[in-house]
Amino acid sequence: MTNIYRTIDKSELEDFETECRANGLDPKEFELNEHDYIETPPNSSIYTPNAKVTITRTTNGAKKTYNTGNATHWVYDFAMDLKRGTFK
């Protein structure tokens, strides 16, 4: 993963990779596409960036979109979806 993300930090990517491996999957099977970046509320004195990340499993095309940024838990939601078989 060589993308530059605006709301996803290195520790979240490491957690994402850990969750993939814990579920018997190679993180390289997934593509992360961060999009819809906004700062909410606009022109606020408090910097609160948010975006969405669409995760696609490249081997079968399964995909899902999660909220990222301030006060989100996209890695946990992704992990739960892996357990539910969303990406199989």
N, C-alpha and C. Protein backbone atom coordinates (compact mmCIF):
# COMPACT_ATOMS: atom_id res chain seq x y z
N MET A 1 0.84 -1.16 0.00
CA MET A 1 0.00 0.00 0.00
C MET A 1 0.89 1.24 0.00
N THR A 2 0.93 1.90 -1.11
CA THR A 2 1.79 3.07 -1.23
C THR A 2 0.98 4.36 -1.35
N ASN A 3 -0.32 4.26 -1.17
CA ASN A 3 -1.16 5.45 -1.27
C ASN A 3 -0.85 6.42 -0.13
N ILE A 4 -1.09 7.69 -0.39
CA ILE A 4 -1.00 8.70 0.65
C ILE A 4 -2.44 8.98 1.08
N TYR A 5 -2.70 8.74 2.35
CA TYR A 5 -4.04 8.92 2.88
C TYR A 5 -4.12 10.20 3.70
N ARG A 6 -5.29 10.81 3.70
CA ARG A 6 -5.47 12.05 4.45
C ARG A 6 -6.06 11.80 5.83
N THR A 7 -6.83 10.73 5.99
CA THR A 7 -7.47 10.47 7.28
C THR A 7 -7.09 9.11 7.87
N ILE A 8 -6.38 8.30 7.11
CA ILE A 8 -5.98 6.98 7.57
C ILE A 8 -4.51 7.05 7.97
N ASP A 9 -4.23 6.68 9.21
CA ASP A 9 -2.83 6.78 9.64
C ASP A 9 -2.14 5.41 9.63
N LYS A 10 -0.85 5.46 9.84
CA LYS A 10 -0.01 4.26 9.75
C LYS A 10 -0.47 3.16 10.70
N SER A 11 -0.84 3.52 11.91
CA SER A 11 -1.26 2.49 12.87
C SER A 11 -2.56 1.81 12.43
N GLU A 12 -3.44 2.56 11.78
CA GLU A 12 -4.67 1.95 11.27
C GLU A 12 -4.35 0.97 10.14
N LEU A 13 -3.40 1.34 9.28
CA LEU A 13 -3.00 0.42 8.21
C LEU A 13 -2.37 -0.85 8.77
N GLU A 14 -1.57 -0.69 9.81
CA GLU A 14 -0.97 -1.86 10.46
C GLU A 14 -2.05 -2.74 11.07
N ASP A 15 -3.06 -2.13 11.71
CA ASP A 15 -4.17 -2.89 12.29
C ASP A 15 -4.98 -3.59 11.19
N PHE A 16 -5.17 -2.91 10.07
CA PHE A 16 -5.86 -3.50 8.92
C PHE A 16 -5.12 -4.76 8.46
N GLU A 17 -3.81 -4.66 8.31
CA GLU A 17 -3.01 -5.81 7.88
C GLU A 17 -3.07 -6.94 8.90
N THR A 18 -3.03 -6.60 10.18
CA THR A 18 -3.13 -7.61 11.24
C THR A 18 -4.46 -8.34 11.16
N GLU A 19 -5.54 -7.60 10.95
CA GLU A 19 -6.87 -8.23 10.85
C GLU A 19 -6.96 -9.14 9.63
N CYS A 20 -6.38 -8.73 8.53
CA CYS A 20 -6.37 -9.60 7.35
C CYS A 20 -5.69 -10.92 7.68
N ARG A 21 -4.49 -10.83 8.22
CA ARG A 21 -3.71 -12.04 8.53
C ARG A 21 -4.41 -12.91 9.57
N ALA A 22 -5.04 -12.28 10.57
CA ALA A 22 -5.74 -13.03 11.61
C ALA A 22 -6.91 -13.83 11.04
N ASN A 23 -7.38 -13.40 9.88
CA ASN A 23 -8.48 -14.10 9.22
C ASN A 23 -8.00 -14.93 8.03
N GLY A 24 -6.69 -15.18 7.98
CA GLY A 24 -6.13 -16.05 6.95
C GLY A 24 -6.05 -15.43 5.57
N LEU A 25 -6.02 -14.10 5.51
CA LEU A 25 -5.97 -13.40 4.23
C LEU A 25 -4.70 -12.58 4.10
N ASP A 26 -4.25 -12.40 2.89
CA ASP A 26 -3.09 -11.57 2.60
C ASP A 26 -3.56 -10.13 2.39
N PRO A 27 -3.03 -9.17 3.14
CA PRO A 27 -3.45 -7.78 2.94
C PRO A 27 -3.27 -7.29 1.51
N LYS A 28 -2.36 -7.90 0.78
CA LYS A 28 -2.12 -7.50 -0.61
C LYS A 28 -3.30 -7.86 -1.53
N GLU A 29 -4.23 -8.67 -1.02
CA GLU A 29 -5.43 -9.02 -1.79
C GLU A 29 -6.45 -7.89 -1.78
N PHE A 30 -6.17 -6.83 -1.03
CA PHE A 30 -7.13 -5.75 -0.85
C PHE A 30 -6.59 -4.43 -1.38
N GLU A 31 -7.48 -3.65 -1.94
CA GLU A 31 -7.16 -2.30 -2.40
C GLU A 31 -7.97 -1.33 -1.55
N LEU A 32 -7.29 -0.31 -1.02
CA LEU A 32 -7.96 0.72 -0.23
C LEU A 32 -8.00 2.00 -1.04
N ASN A 33 -9.18 2.56 -1.18
CA ASN A 33 -9.35 3.81 -1.93
C ASN A 33 -10.04 4.83 -1.02
N GLU A 34 -9.26 5.80 -0.52
CA GLU A 34 -9.84 6.86 0.31
C GLU A 34 -10.46 7.92 -0.61
N HIS A 35 -11.66 8.37 -0.27
CA HIS A 35 -12.36 9.34 -1.10
C HIS A 35 -13.33 10.18 -0.26
N ASP A 36 -13.95 11.15 -0.87
CA ASP A 36 -14.93 12.03 -0.22
C ASP A 36 -14.38 12.72 1.02
N TYR A 37 -13.17 13.24 0.91
CA TYR A 37 -12.53 13.93 2.03
C TYR A 37 -13.23 15.25 2.30
N ILE A 38 -13.53 15.50 3.58
CA ILE A 38 -14.09 16.79 4.00
C ILE A 38 -13.57 17.14 5.38
N GLU A 39 -13.62 18.40 5.70
CA GLU A 39 -13.37 18.85 7.05
C GLU A 39 -14.71 19.32 7.60
N THR A 40 -15.11 18.76 8.71
CA THR A 40 -16.41 19.12 9.26
C THR A 40 -16.25 19.75 10.62
N PRO A 41 -16.99 20.76 10.93
CA PRO A 41 -17.73 21.57 9.96
C PRO A 41 -16.78 22.45 9.16
N PRO A 42 -17.15 22.80 7.95
CA PRO A 42 -16.29 23.65 7.14
C PRO A 42 -15.97 24.96 7.87
N ASN A 43 -14.76 25.41 7.71
CA ASN A 43 -14.29 26.67 8.30
C ASN A 43 -14.32 26.68 9.82
N SER A 44 -14.35 25.53 10.43
CA SER A 44 -14.36 25.44 11.89
C SER A 44 -12.96 25.68 12.43
N SER A 45 -12.87 26.15 13.65
CA SER A 45 -11.57 26.33 14.27
C SER A 45 -11.00 24.99 14.76
N ILE A 46 -11.85 23.98 14.79
CA ILE A 46 -11.42 22.64 15.19
C ILE A 46 -11.22 21.82 13.93
N TYR A 47 -10.02 21.26 13.78
CA TYR A 47 -9.69 20.47 12.59
C TYR A 47 -10.23 19.06 12.75
N THR A 48 -11.26 18.72 12.00
CA THR A 48 -11.87 17.40 12.08
C THR A 48 -12.05 16.81 10.68
N PRO A 49 -10.99 16.24 10.14
CA PRO A 49 -11.09 15.65 8.80
C PRO A 49 -11.83 14.32 8.83
N ASN A 50 -12.62 14.09 7.82
CA ASN A 50 -13.33 12.83 7.65
C ASN A 50 -13.31 12.47 6.18
N ALA A 51 -13.45 11.19 5.92
CA ALA A 51 -13.50 10.70 4.55
C ALA A 51 -14.17 9.34 4.55
N LYS A 52 -14.09 8.69 3.45
CA LYS A 52 -14.56 7.31 3.32
C LYS A 52 -13.43 6.50 2.70
N VAL A 53 -13.39 5.23 3.02
CA VAL A 53 -12.46 4.32 2.38
C VAL A 53 -13.27 3.15 1.84
N THR A 54 -13.08 2.88 0.56
CA THR A 54 -13.69 1.70 -0.04
C THR A 54 -12.61 0.64 -0.13
N ILE A 55 -12.91 -0.50 0.48
CA ILE A 55 -11.97 -1.62 0.49
C ILE A 55 -12.50 -2.67 -0.48
N THR A 56 -11.66 -3.03 -1.44
CA THR A 56 -12.03 -4.02 -2.45
C THR A 56 -11.08 -5.19 -2.36
N ARG A 57 -11.64 -6.39 -2.31
CA ARG A 57 -10.81 -7.59 -2.39
C ARG A 57 -10.60 -7.87 -3.87
N THR A 58 -9.36 -7.74 -4.29
CA THR A 58 -9.06 -7.80 -5.72
C THR A 58 -9.25 -9.19 -6.32
N THR A 59 -9.24 -10.23 -5.49
CA THR A 59 -9.38 -11.58 -6.02
C THR A 59 -10.81 -11.94 -6.41
N ASN A 60 -11.81 -11.22 -5.84
CA ASN A 60 -13.19 -11.56 -6.17
C ASN A 60 -14.10 -10.34 -6.38
N GLY A 61 -13.57 -9.13 -6.18
CA GLY A 61 -14.36 -7.92 -6.42
C GLY A 61 -15.27 -7.52 -5.28
N ALA A 62 -15.29 -8.28 -4.19
CA ALA A 62 -16.13 -7.90 -3.04
C ALA A 62 -15.63 -6.57 -2.49
N LYS A 63 -16.57 -5.67 -2.14
CA LYS A 63 -16.15 -4.37 -1.64
C LYS A 63 -17.14 -3.82 -0.64
N LYS A 64 -16.62 -2.93 0.19
CA LYS A 64 -17.47 -2.23 1.16
C LYS A 64 -16.81 -0.90 1.49
N THR A 65 -17.64 0.09 1.81
CA THR A 65 -17.16 1.43 2.13
C THR A 65 -17.37 1.72 3.62
N TYR A 66 -16.35 2.34 4.22
CA TYR A 66 -16.37 2.68 5.65
C TYR A 66 -16.04 4.16 5.82
N ASN A 67 -16.55 4.75 6.89
CA ASN A 67 -16.17 6.11 7.26
C ASN A 67 -14.80 6.08 7.91
N THR A 68 -13.97 7.09 7.63
CA THR A 68 -12.66 7.21 8.26
C THR A 68 -12.53 8.60 8.87
N GLY A 69 -11.51 8.77 9.66
CA GLY A 69 -11.24 10.08 10.23
C GLY A 69 -11.65 10.16 11.69
N ASN A 70 -11.98 11.35 12.10
CA ASN A 70 -12.27 11.65 13.49
C ASN A 70 -13.40 10.78 14.05
N ALA A 71 -13.12 10.12 15.18
CA ALA A 71 -14.12 9.33 15.92
C ALA A 71 -14.72 8.18 15.11
N THR A 72 -13.93 7.57 14.23
CA THR A 72 -14.43 6.41 13.48
C THR A 72 -13.67 5.16 13.91
N HIS A 73 -14.20 4.02 13.53
CA HIS A 73 -13.58 2.74 13.87
C HIS A 73 -13.68 1.80 12.68
N TRP A 74 -13.18 2.26 11.55
CA TRP A 74 -13.31 1.50 10.31
C TRP A 74 -12.58 0.18 10.35
N VAL A 75 -11.45 0.10 11.03
CA VAL A 75 -10.70 -1.16 11.08
C VAL A 75 -11.52 -2.21 11.83
N TYR A 76 -12.13 -1.81 12.93
CA TYR A 76 -12.98 -2.74 13.69
C TYR A 76 -14.15 -3.19 12.82
N ASP A 77 -14.80 -2.26 12.13
CA ASP A 77 -15.93 -2.62 11.27
C ASP A 77 -15.48 -3.57 10.16
N PHE A 78 -14.31 -3.32 9.60
CA PHE A 78 -13.75 -4.21 8.58
C PHE A 78 -13.50 -5.60 9.16
N ALA A 79 -12.93 -5.65 10.37
CA ALA A 79 -12.65 -6.94 11.01
C ALA A 79 -13.95 -7.72 11.23
N MET A 80 -14.99 -7.05 11.66
CA MET A 80 -16.28 -7.71 11.87
C MET A 80 -16.84 -8.22 10.54
N ASP A 81 -16.67 -7.45 9.48
CA ASP A 81 -17.12 -7.90 8.16
C ASP A 81 -16.33 -9.10 7.67
N LEU A 82 -15.03 -9.14 7.98
CA LEU A 82 -14.26 -10.32 7.62
C LEU A 82 -14.82 -11.56 8.31
N LYS A 83 -15.12 -11.43 9.58
CA LYS A 83 -15.67 -12.55 10.36
C LYS A 83 -17.03 -12.98 9.82
N ARG A 84 -17.82 -12.03 9.31
CA ARG A 84 -19.14 -12.33 8.75
C ARG A 84 -19.07 -12.88 7.33
N GLY A 85 -17.88 -12.84 6.71
CA GLY A 85 -17.71 -13.37 5.37
C GLY A 85 -18.04 -12.39 4.26
N THR A 86 -18.10 -11.11 4.58
CA THR A 86 -18.44 -10.09 3.59
C THR A 86 -17.50 -10.11 2.38
N PHE A 87 -16.24 -10.45 2.59
CA PHE A 87 -15.27 -10.38 1.50
C PHE A 87 -14.94 -11.73 0.88
N LYS A 88 -15.75 -12.74 1.17
CA LYS A 88 -15.51 -14.07 0.58
C LYS A 88 -16.17 -14.20 -0.77
